[in-house]
Amino acid sequence: MRDFYSVLGVKRDAGADEIKAAWRSKAKSVHPDQNRDDPDAGRRFTEVGRAYEVLKDPEKRNRYDQQRDKVEAREREQTIMQQRQAAREAAERAKQAKANAERIMAELARAEAEKAKADKQAQAAQAAAQSKAEKPQAQAQAQTQAQQPGQQQQQQSQQQAQAGAGAQAKAENASESPEDVVSRIFGDTPEAAAAAETLKRESEAAESARAEAAEGSGTVKGPSILAPIELLSSLVRRIRGVQPAPEKAPDLIVEATVTIDDLLALKPVPITLSDGRELRVPIEDGASDGTVVRLKAQGLKVQGMARGDVSVTLRLMRNDKFSVDGHDIKTVLPITLENAVLGCEAEVETPAGPLAITIPAWSSSDQAIRLDDLGLPNGEGGRGALVVELRIMLWEKPDDKVTDLMRVMREGLYL
């Protein structure tokens, strides 16, 4: 909502005389005749006239102050609601993050305990196997002479094959796939699936490397019994060491030319980017000259960076009949001197076609007729106004009677 007090440069408690003096000063400084090189002089002059028209009338000023107070109160309420919503969302995110962290730490503690237990069992099994192997060693040496070399070699091969098969079966029964581990802890989410796939490839590569090393040493080893625990630990380390999100590429700043008809019909307009891509810019309810529309992830694409946005500023195409101020559409209606003094019925052009209006008697060039709900959509379910600025025009040729009348009014009666 335009602040008419700021337009005139006065405070909200200014008196009628102060407002009138400010209007005269502003109107004189921004008058189009004094600023012929400024294309916006007419718009500013009309705006000053509109502000004075509202503030000089106590009834209109009172209605304007009430409406402005409502708008400011609504804006404050919206700000408070947005802050409360942001606080609720932040609290919910913090609660979810805390729950995830507690679940991860509990799972990590359980995994560490299982790993310690498995290590202890492996050490005990190794000690028992070593003790058991020392007892029949003497018997094996005594039987060596009685056994044929071929039979001895065959028995050793069978023992090694049985030991390898048993270890492999035990590892298969105790192990879980990366998808099962990640799904059990973090649920079936795209992020968890991606993490599981990555860890699966890393686990397969590690197993392949161990197999090659074992083949080179002449021994056969199955999958590690601690694979799920190692997988979980790797995943937790990955989560703890999460890298920051990639920096976003700079936004593209462009302008799109729109017409008043585009703004009224909310019609998307096309633009062409510097890289040759063509995009369509949506015109939303409430858009006007200078509105910025942001197209998410449609901008520059730089390797290692998130794709930037396209920031589009709407620029109104120059129109000889109409101009736009916020959501108001403005036009100029020339009237003759006698119609300004006596009043008349006139026809004014609008974007929707000609419209009949009434010019009140004793109208001047600083006055404007405001026709509500004929402007642009304001984004609140309503529309701005069509503001008709009156401009008094003299005849093309001088009129002797009018000239004598003006001389009498200026100099008084004379013989």
Protein backbone atom coordinates (compact mmCIF):
# COMPACT_ATOMS: atom_id res chain seq x y z
CA MET A 1 0.00 0.00 0.00
CA ARG A 2 1.45 3.35 -1.07
CA ASP A 3 2.34 5.68 1.80
CA PHE A 4 0.82 9.03 0.86
CA TYR A 5 2.50 10.73 3.82
CA SER A 6 5.90 9.70 2.43
CA VAL A 7 4.88 10.91 -1.03
CA LEU A 8 4.27 14.40 0.33
CA GLY A 9 7.14 14.19 2.82
CA VAL A 10 5.07 14.86 5.95
CA LYS A 11 4.45 13.00 9.20
CA ARG A 12 1.26 11.10 9.89
CA ASP A 13 0.11 13.69 12.42
CA ALA A 14 0.66 16.65 10.06
CA GLY A 15 -2.03 19.31 9.96
CA ALA A 16 -4.05 20.43 6.95
CA ASP A 17 -1.93 23.56 6.37
CA GLU A 18 1.30 21.55 6.47
CA ILE A 19 -0.08 19.01 4.03
CA LYS A 20 -1.23 21.75 1.64
CA ALA A 21 2.15 23.49 1.75
CA ALA A 22 3.97 20.22 1.16
CA TRP A 23 1.69 19.42 -1.79
CA ARG A 24 2.33 22.80 -3.43
CA SER A 25 6.08 22.42 -3.04
CA LYS A 26 6.08 18.84 -4.36
CA ALA A 27 3.73 19.56 -7.25
CA LYS A 28 5.86 22.49 -8.37
CA SER A 29 9.12 20.52 -8.21
CA VAL A 30 7.83 17.43 -10.08
CA HIS A 31 5.54 19.16 -12.59
CA PRO A 32 6.12 17.77 -16.13
CA ASP A 33 6.63 21.29 -17.49
CA GLN A 34 9.57 21.70 -15.14
CA ASN A 35 10.99 18.25 -15.92
CA ARG A 36 10.59 17.81 -19.66
CA ASP A 37 13.57 15.43 -19.88
CA ASP A 38 12.26 13.11 -17.17
CA PRO A 39 9.82 10.48 -18.50
CA ASP A 40 8.64 9.69 -14.94
CA ALA A 41 7.75 13.28 -14.09
CA GLY A 42 4.12 12.79 -15.09
CA ARG A 43 3.80 9.71 -12.92
CA ARG A 44 5.27 11.43 -9.88
CA PHE A 45 3.09 14.50 -10.46
CA THR A 46 -0.02 12.32 -10.59
CA GLU A 47 1.07 10.48 -7.46
CA VAL A 48 1.51 13.74 -5.56
CA GLY A 49 -1.94 14.87 -6.68
CA ARG A 50 -3.50 11.62 -5.61
CA ALA A 51 -1.85 11.81 -2.17
CA TYR A 52 -3.08 15.37 -1.64
CA GLU A 53 -6.58 14.49 -2.83
CA VAL A 54 -6.83 11.83 -0.12
CA LEU A 55 -5.08 13.64 2.74
CA LYS A 56 -6.77 17.05 2.31
CA ASP A 57 -10.22 15.55 2.88
CA PRO A 58 -10.67 14.58 6.58
CA GLU A 59 -13.12 11.81 5.75
CA LYS A 60 -10.92 10.27 3.04
CA ARG A 61 -7.86 10.67 5.25
CA ASN A 62 -9.59 8.89 8.12
CA ARG A 63 -10.60 5.96 5.87
CA TYR A 64 -7.04 5.82 4.45
CA ASP A 65 -5.50 5.78 7.95
CA GLN A 66 -7.84 2.99 9.04
CA GLN A 67 -7.09 0.94 5.94
CA ARG A 68 -3.36 1.48 6.37
CA ASP A 69 -3.53 0.45 10.04
CA LYS A 70 -5.30 -2.76 8.99
CA VAL A 71 -2.65 -3.49 6.37
CA GLU A 72 0.19 -2.89 8.83
CA ALA A 73 -1.52 -5.05 11.46
CA ARG A 74 -2.00 -7.83 8.92
CA GLU A 75 1.66 -7.59 7.90
CA ARG A 76 2.76 -7.78 11.54
CA GLU A 77 0.51 -10.78 12.10
CA GLN A 78 1.91 -12.51 9.03
CA THR A 79 5.46 -11.84 10.21
CA ILE A 80 4.67 -13.29 13.65
CA MET A 81 3.03 -16.35 12.10
CA GLN A 82 6.01 -16.89 9.81
CA GLN A 83 8.41 -16.61 12.76
CA ARG A 84 6.34 -19.09 14.79
CA GLN A 85 6.19 -21.51 11.88
CA ALA A 86 9.94 -21.24 11.36
CA ALA A 87 10.51 -21.89 15.08
CA ARG A 88 8.24 -24.96 15.00
CA GLU A 89 10.01 -26.33 11.93
CA ALA A 90 13.42 -25.73 13.52
CA ALA A 91 12.32 -27.50 16.72
CA GLU A 92 10.99 -30.45 14.73
CA ARG A 93 14.22 -30.72 12.75
CA ALA A 94 16.26 -30.56 15.96
CA LYS A 95 14.07 -33.25 17.55
CA GLN A 96 14.43 -35.52 14.52
CA ALA A 97 18.19 -34.94 14.36
CA LYS A 98 18.52 -35.77 18.06
CA ALA A 99 16.51 -38.98 17.60
CA ASN A 100 18.64 -40.00 14.62
CA ALA A 101 21.83 -39.28 16.53
CA GLU A 102 20.67 -41.34 19.53
CA ARG A 103 19.68 -44.24 17.26
CA ILE A 104 23.03 -44.12 15.46
CA MET A 105 25.01 -44.00 18.72
CA ALA A 106 23.01 -46.93 20.12
CA GLU A 107 23.57 -48.94 16.97
CA LEU A 108 27.26 -48.04 17.02
CA ALA A 109 27.58 -49.15 20.66
CA ARG A 110 25.86 -52.43 19.85
CA ALA A 111 28.12 -52.93 16.84
CA GLU A 112 31.25 -52.23 18.88
CA ALA A 113 30.08 -54.73 21.53
CA GLU A 114 29.47 -57.39 18.88
CA LYS A 115 32.85 -56.71 17.36
CA ALA A 116 34.60 -57.06 20.75
CA LYS A 117 32.70 -60.31 21.43
CA ALA A 118 33.62 -61.67 17.99
CA ASP A 119 37.27 -60.75 18.51
CA LYS A 120 37.28 -62.54 21.88
CA GLN A 121 35.67 -65.65 20.37
CA ALA A 122 38.14 -65.63 17.49
CA GLN A 123 41.11 -65.45 19.89
CA ALA A 124 39.71 -68.31 22.02
CA ALA A 125 39.08 -70.45 18.94
CA GLN A 126 42.60 -69.77 17.69
CA ALA A 127 44.14 -70.76 21.06
CA ALA A 128 42.04 -73.96 21.21
CA ALA A 129 42.99 -74.89 17.65
CA GLN A 130 46.67 -74.33 18.39
CA SER A 131 46.50 -76.47 21.56
CA LYS A 132 44.64 -79.21 19.73
CA ALA A 133 47.14 -79.16 16.88
CA GLU A 134 50.14 -79.66 19.25
CA LYS A 135 48.81 -82.97 20.75
CA PRO A 136 48.57 -85.08 17.58
CA GLN A 137 51.80 -83.66 16.23
CA ALA A 138 53.89 -86.55 17.66
CA GLN A 139 51.42 -89.12 16.37
CA ALA A 140 51.47 -87.50 12.94
CA GLN A 141 55.26 -87.75 12.86
CA ALA A 142 55.14 -91.47 13.81
CA GLN A 143 52.58 -92.25 11.15
CA THR A 144 54.46 -90.36 8.50
CA GLN A 145 56.77 -93.27 7.84
CA ALA A 146 53.91 -95.76 7.53
CA GLN A 147 51.75 -93.58 5.24
CA GLN A 148 52.39 -93.11 1.60
CA PRO A 149 53.29 -89.58 0.48
CA GLY A 150 50.29 -89.46 -1.85
CA GLN A 151 47.78 -90.40 0.86
CA GLN A 152 49.23 -87.82 3.30
CA GLN A 153 48.93 -85.03 0.72
CA GLN A 154 45.33 -86.08 -0.10
CA GLN A 155 44.32 -85.97 3.58
CA GLN A 156 45.81 -82.50 4.06
CA SER A 157 43.94 -81.19 1.00
CA GLN A 158 40.65 -82.60 2.30
CA GLN A 159 41.18 -81.02 5.73
CA GLN A 160 41.94 -77.62 4.21
CA ALA A 161 38.86 -77.80 1.93
CA GLN A 162 36.61 -78.77 4.86
CA ALA A 163 37.99 -75.95 7.03
CA GLY A 164 37.52 -73.39 4.23
CA ALA A 165 33.94 -74.56 3.52
CA GLY A 166 33.03 -74.41 7.23
CA ALA A 167 34.44 -70.92 7.63
CA GLN A 168 32.66 -69.70 4.50
CA ALA A 169 29.30 -71.16 5.63
CA LYS A 170 29.70 -69.59 9.06
CA ALA A 171 30.48 -66.19 7.51
CA GLU A 172 27.47 -66.41 5.16
CA ASN A 173 25.10 -67.19 8.03
CA ALA A 174 26.44 -64.32 10.19
CA SER A 175 26.72 -61.63 7.51
CA GLU A 176 24.15 -59.13 6.24
CA SER A 177 24.02 -57.31 2.94
CA PRO A 178 24.76 -53.56 2.92
CA GLU A 179 21.13 -52.90 1.90
CA ASP A 180 19.84 -54.88 4.92
CA VAL A 181 22.10 -53.09 7.40
CA VAL A 182 21.34 -49.58 6.11
CA SER A 183 17.62 -50.29 5.73
CA ARG A 184 17.43 -51.69 9.26
CA ILE A 185 19.02 -48.57 10.76
CA PHE A 186 17.90 -45.69 8.54
CA GLY A 187 14.77 -46.99 6.80
CA ASP A 188 13.94 -47.31 3.10
CA THR A 189 14.91 -43.83 1.88
CA PRO A 190 16.68 -42.79 -1.35
CA GLU A 191 19.59 -41.43 0.68
CA ALA A 192 19.96 -44.72 2.58
CA ALA A 193 19.78 -46.72 -0.66
CA ALA A 194 22.51 -44.56 -2.21
CA ALA A 195 24.70 -44.97 0.88
CA ALA A 196 24.15 -48.74 0.85
CA GLU A 197 25.07 -49.00 -2.82
CA THR A 198 28.27 -47.02 -2.25
CA LEU A 199 29.28 -49.08 0.75
CA LYS A 200 28.45 -52.29 -1.11
CA ARG A 201 30.85 -51.38 -3.91
CA GLU A 202 33.53 -50.50 -1.36
CA SER A 203 32.94 -53.80 0.49
CA GLU A 204 33.16 -55.81 -2.75
CA ALA A 205 36.38 -54.05 -3.67
CA ALA A 206 37.85 -54.80 -0.24
CA GLU A 207 36.83 -58.48 -0.46
CA SER A 208 38.37 -58.71 -3.93
CA ALA A 209 41.62 -57.24 -2.63
CA ARG A 210 41.67 -59.72 0.28
CA ALA A 211 40.98 -62.61 -2.09
CA GLU A 212 43.87 -61.63 -4.33
CA ALA A 213 46.18 -61.33 -1.34
CA ALA A 214 45.07 -64.72 -0.05
CA GLU A 215 45.55 -66.31 -3.48
CA GLY A 216 49.07 -64.91 -3.65
CA SER A 217 49.93 -66.38 -0.25
CA GLY A 218 48.52 -69.80 -1.12
CA THR A 219 45.67 -69.71 1.47
CA VAL A 220 41.89 -69.58 0.99
CA LYS A 221 39.83 -67.11 3.07
CA GLY A 222 36.09 -66.51 3.08
CA PRO A 223 34.29 -63.24 3.75
CA SER A 224 35.04 -61.55 7.04
CA ILE A 225 32.63 -62.46 9.82
CA LEU A 226 32.78 -58.85 10.98
CA ALA A 227 31.62 -57.44 7.61
CA PRO A 228 28.29 -56.02 8.92
CA ILE A 229 30.05 -54.37 11.85
CA GLU A 230 32.72 -52.89 9.61
CA LEU A 231 29.98 -51.71 7.23
CA LEU A 232 28.06 -50.02 10.05
CA SER A 233 31.21 -48.38 11.40
CA SER A 234 32.06 -47.13 7.92
CA LEU A 235 28.56 -45.73 7.50
CA VAL A 236 28.66 -43.97 10.88
CA ARG A 237 32.05 -42.48 10.05
CA ARG A 238 30.62 -41.30 6.74
CA ILE A 239 27.65 -39.68 8.50
CA ARG A 240 29.87 -38.02 11.09
CA GLY A 241 32.12 -36.66 8.36
CA VAL A 242 29.35 -35.36 6.09
CA GLN A 243 30.70 -32.77 3.70
CA PRO A 244 28.83 -29.45 3.40
CA ALA A 245 26.36 -29.08 0.56
CA PRO A 246 27.99 -27.91 -2.66
CA GLU A 247 28.04 -24.18 -3.19
CA LYS A 248 25.36 -22.88 -5.52
CA ALA A 249 26.36 -21.29 -8.81
CA PRO A 250 25.69 -17.55 -9.17
CA ASP A 251 22.18 -16.57 -10.23
CA LEU A 252 21.45 -15.28 -13.70
CA ILE A 253 19.96 -11.77 -13.62
CA VAL A 254 17.71 -11.07 -16.61
CA GLU A 255 14.74 -8.89 -17.54
CA ALA A 256 11.50 -9.83 -19.25
CA THR A 257 9.33 -7.33 -21.12
CA VAL A 258 5.63 -7.61 -20.34
CA THR A 259 2.55 -5.75 -21.46
CA ILE A 260 -0.42 -4.61 -19.42
CA ASP A 261 -2.49 -7.29 -21.16
CA ASP A 262 0.04 -9.93 -19.95
CA LEU A 263 -0.31 -8.70 -16.37
CA LEU A 264 -4.10 -8.64 -16.58
CA ALA A 265 -4.36 -12.11 -18.13
CA LEU A 266 -1.51 -13.59 -16.01
CA LYS A 267 0.01 -14.83 -19.24
CA PRO A 268 3.54 -16.39 -19.11
CA VAL A 269 6.14 -14.57 -21.18
CA PRO A 270 9.15 -16.15 -22.96
CA ILE A 271 12.79 -15.19 -22.37
CA THR A 272 16.04 -16.33 -24.02
CA LEU A 273 19.11 -16.86 -21.83
CA SER A 274 22.69 -16.12 -22.82
CA ASP A 275 23.33 -19.83 -23.45
CA GLY A 276 20.48 -20.00 -25.96
CA ARG A 277 17.95 -21.73 -23.70
CA GLU A 278 14.37 -20.49 -23.85
CA LEU A 279 12.28 -20.32 -20.68
CA ARG A 280 8.76 -19.19 -19.92
CA VAL A 281 8.33 -16.85 -16.98
CA PRO A 282 5.05 -17.37 -15.08
CA ILE A 283 3.08 -14.21 -14.25
CA GLU A 284 1.52 -14.67 -10.84
CA ASP A 285 -1.37 -12.81 -9.26
CA GLY A 286 -0.02 -9.54 -7.85
CA ALA A 287 2.79 -9.10 -10.40
CA SER A 288 3.55 -5.58 -11.62
CA ASP A 289 6.31 -3.51 -13.17
CA GLY A 290 9.54 -4.31 -11.30
CA THR A 291 8.34 -7.61 -9.80
CA VAL A 292 11.14 -10.19 -9.50
CA VAL A 293 10.31 -13.80 -10.45
CA ARG A 294 12.80 -16.50 -9.39
CA LEU A 295 13.10 -19.66 -11.49
CA LYS A 296 14.65 -22.30 -9.22
CA ALA A 297 17.57 -24.40 -10.55
CA GLN A 298 17.24 -22.99 -14.08
CA GLY A 299 20.45 -20.94 -14.12
CA LEU A 300 24.14 -21.66 -14.61
CA LYS A 301 25.40 -25.23 -14.44
CA VAL A 302 28.96 -25.37 -13.05
CA GLN A 303 30.80 -28.61 -12.31
CA GLY A 304 31.03 -29.30 -8.58
CA MET A 305 28.36 -26.69 -7.74
CA ALA A 306 24.60 -26.77 -7.36
CA ARG A 307 22.73 -25.24 -10.26
CA GLY A 308 21.88 -21.57 -9.77
CA ASP A 309 18.55 -19.79 -10.20
CA VAL A 310 17.32 -17.33 -12.81
CA SER A 311 16.19 -14.00 -11.33
CA VAL A 312 13.79 -12.33 -13.77
CA THR A 313 12.72 -8.69 -13.32
CA LEU A 314 9.48 -7.81 -15.09
CA ARG A 315 9.69 -4.58 -17.09
CA LEU A 316 6.53 -3.02 -18.50
CA MET A 317 6.59 -2.25 -22.20
CA ARG A 318 6.26 1.46 -22.87
CA ASN A 319 2.68 2.42 -23.67
CA ASP A 320 1.50 5.79 -24.99
CA LYS A 321 -1.89 5.48 -23.33
CA PHE A 322 -1.27 3.77 -20.01
CA SER A 323 1.31 3.55 -17.26
CA VAL A 324 1.49 1.37 -14.14
CA ASP A 325 2.08 2.42 -10.54
CA GLY A 326 2.03 -0.60 -8.27
CA HIS A 327 -1.28 -2.26 -9.15
CA ASP A 328 -2.91 0.94 -10.44
CA ILE A 329 -3.20 1.66 -14.16
CA LYS A 330 -2.91 5.35 -14.98
CA THR A 331 -4.04 7.31 -18.00
CA VAL A 332 -4.39 10.98 -18.96
CA LEU A 333 -7.67 12.54 -20.10
CA PRO A 334 -7.44 15.97 -21.80
CA ILE A 335 -10.39 18.30 -21.13
CA THR A 336 -11.15 21.82 -22.25
CA LEU A 337 -11.29 24.80 -19.94
CA GLU A 338 -15.07 25.15 -20.05
CA ASN A 339 -15.57 21.42 -19.26
CA ALA A 340 -13.16 21.72 -16.34
CA VAL A 341 -15.16 24.65 -14.96
CA LEU A 342 -18.67 23.42 -15.68
CA GLY A 343 -18.16 19.65 -15.59
CA CYS A 344 -19.23 17.20 -18.28
CA GLU A 345 -19.65 13.58 -19.35
CA ALA A 346 -16.54 12.16 -21.04
CA GLU A 347 -15.23 8.89 -22.43
CA VAL A 348 -11.88 7.48 -21.30
CA GLU A 349 -9.86 4.64 -22.79
CA THR A 350 -9.20 1.60 -20.57
CA PRO A 351 -7.34 -1.68 -21.35
CA ALA A 352 -10.78 -3.32 -21.65
CA GLY A 353 -12.18 -0.63 -23.97
CA PRO A 354 -13.78 2.84 -23.71
CA LEU A 355 -15.64 3.78 -20.52
CA ALA A 356 -17.99 6.71 -19.80
CA ILE A 357 -17.15 8.80 -16.73
CA THR A 358 -18.36 12.03 -15.15
CA ILE A 359 -16.03 15.03 -14.85
CA PRO A 360 -17.07 17.04 -11.76
CA ALA A 361 -17.43 20.79 -12.08
CA TRP A 362 -14.47 22.97 -11.20
CA SER A 363 -11.88 20.26 -11.85
CA SER A 364 -8.22 21.16 -12.21
CA SER A 365 -5.12 19.53 -13.62
CA ASP A 366 -3.97 18.39 -10.18
CA GLN A 367 -7.01 16.18 -9.73
CA ALA A 368 -7.45 12.52 -10.66
CA ILE A 369 -10.53 10.36 -10.90
CA ARG A 370 -10.01 6.94 -9.36
CA LEU A 371 -12.06 4.04 -10.73
CA ASP A 372 -11.67 1.08 -8.37
CA ASP A 373 -11.24 -2.56 -9.44
CA LEU A 374 -10.15 -1.68 -12.98
CA GLY A 375 -6.40 -2.06 -12.38
CA LEU A 376 -4.04 -5.04 -12.09
CA PRO A 377 -4.66 -8.07 -9.84
CA ASN A 378 -3.19 -7.22 -6.42
CA GLY A 379 -2.53 -10.76 -5.17
CA GLU A 380 -5.21 -10.50 -2.47
CA GLY A 381 -8.21 -11.44 -4.56
CA GLY A 382 -8.87 -7.85 -5.67
CA ARG A 383 -7.57 -5.40 -8.21
CA GLY A 384 -6.03 -1.98 -8.25
CA ALA A 385 -7.70 1.09 -9.69
CA LEU A 386 -7.76 2.92 -13.01
CA VAL A 387 -6.51 6.43 -12.20
CA VAL A 388 -7.61 9.07 -14.72
CA GLU A 389 -5.49 12.20 -14.53
CA LEU A 390 -7.26 15.31 -15.82
CA ARG A 391 -5.24 17.65 -17.98
CA ILE A 392 -6.73 20.98 -19.07
CA MET A 393 -6.02 21.80 -22.71
CA LEU A 394 -6.57 25.16 -24.42
CA TRP A 395 -7.90 25.56 -27.94
CA GLU A 396 -5.54 25.33 -30.86
CA LYS A 397 -6.30 28.97 -31.81
CA PRO A 398 -6.68 31.86 -29.33
CA ASP A 399 -10.25 32.87 -28.49
CA ASP A 400 -10.85 36.61 -28.04
CA LYS A 401 -13.73 36.19 -25.59
CA VAL A 402 -11.75 33.87 -23.34
CA THR A 403 -8.74 36.17 -23.55
CA ASP A 404 -10.86 39.22 -22.49
CA LEU A 405 -12.42 37.22 -19.66
CA MET A 406 -9.02 36.17 -18.33
CA ARG A 407 -7.79 39.77 -18.56
CA VAL A 408 -10.81 41.00 -16.61
CA MET A 409 -10.24 38.32 -13.96
CA ARG A 410 -6.59 39.30 -13.62
CA GLU A 411 -6.77 43.08 -13.92
CA GLY A 412 -10.37 43.84 -12.89
CA LEU A 413 -13.05 45.84 -14.77
CA TYR A 414 -11.86 48.61 -17.00
CA LEU A 415 -13.35 51.03 -19.56
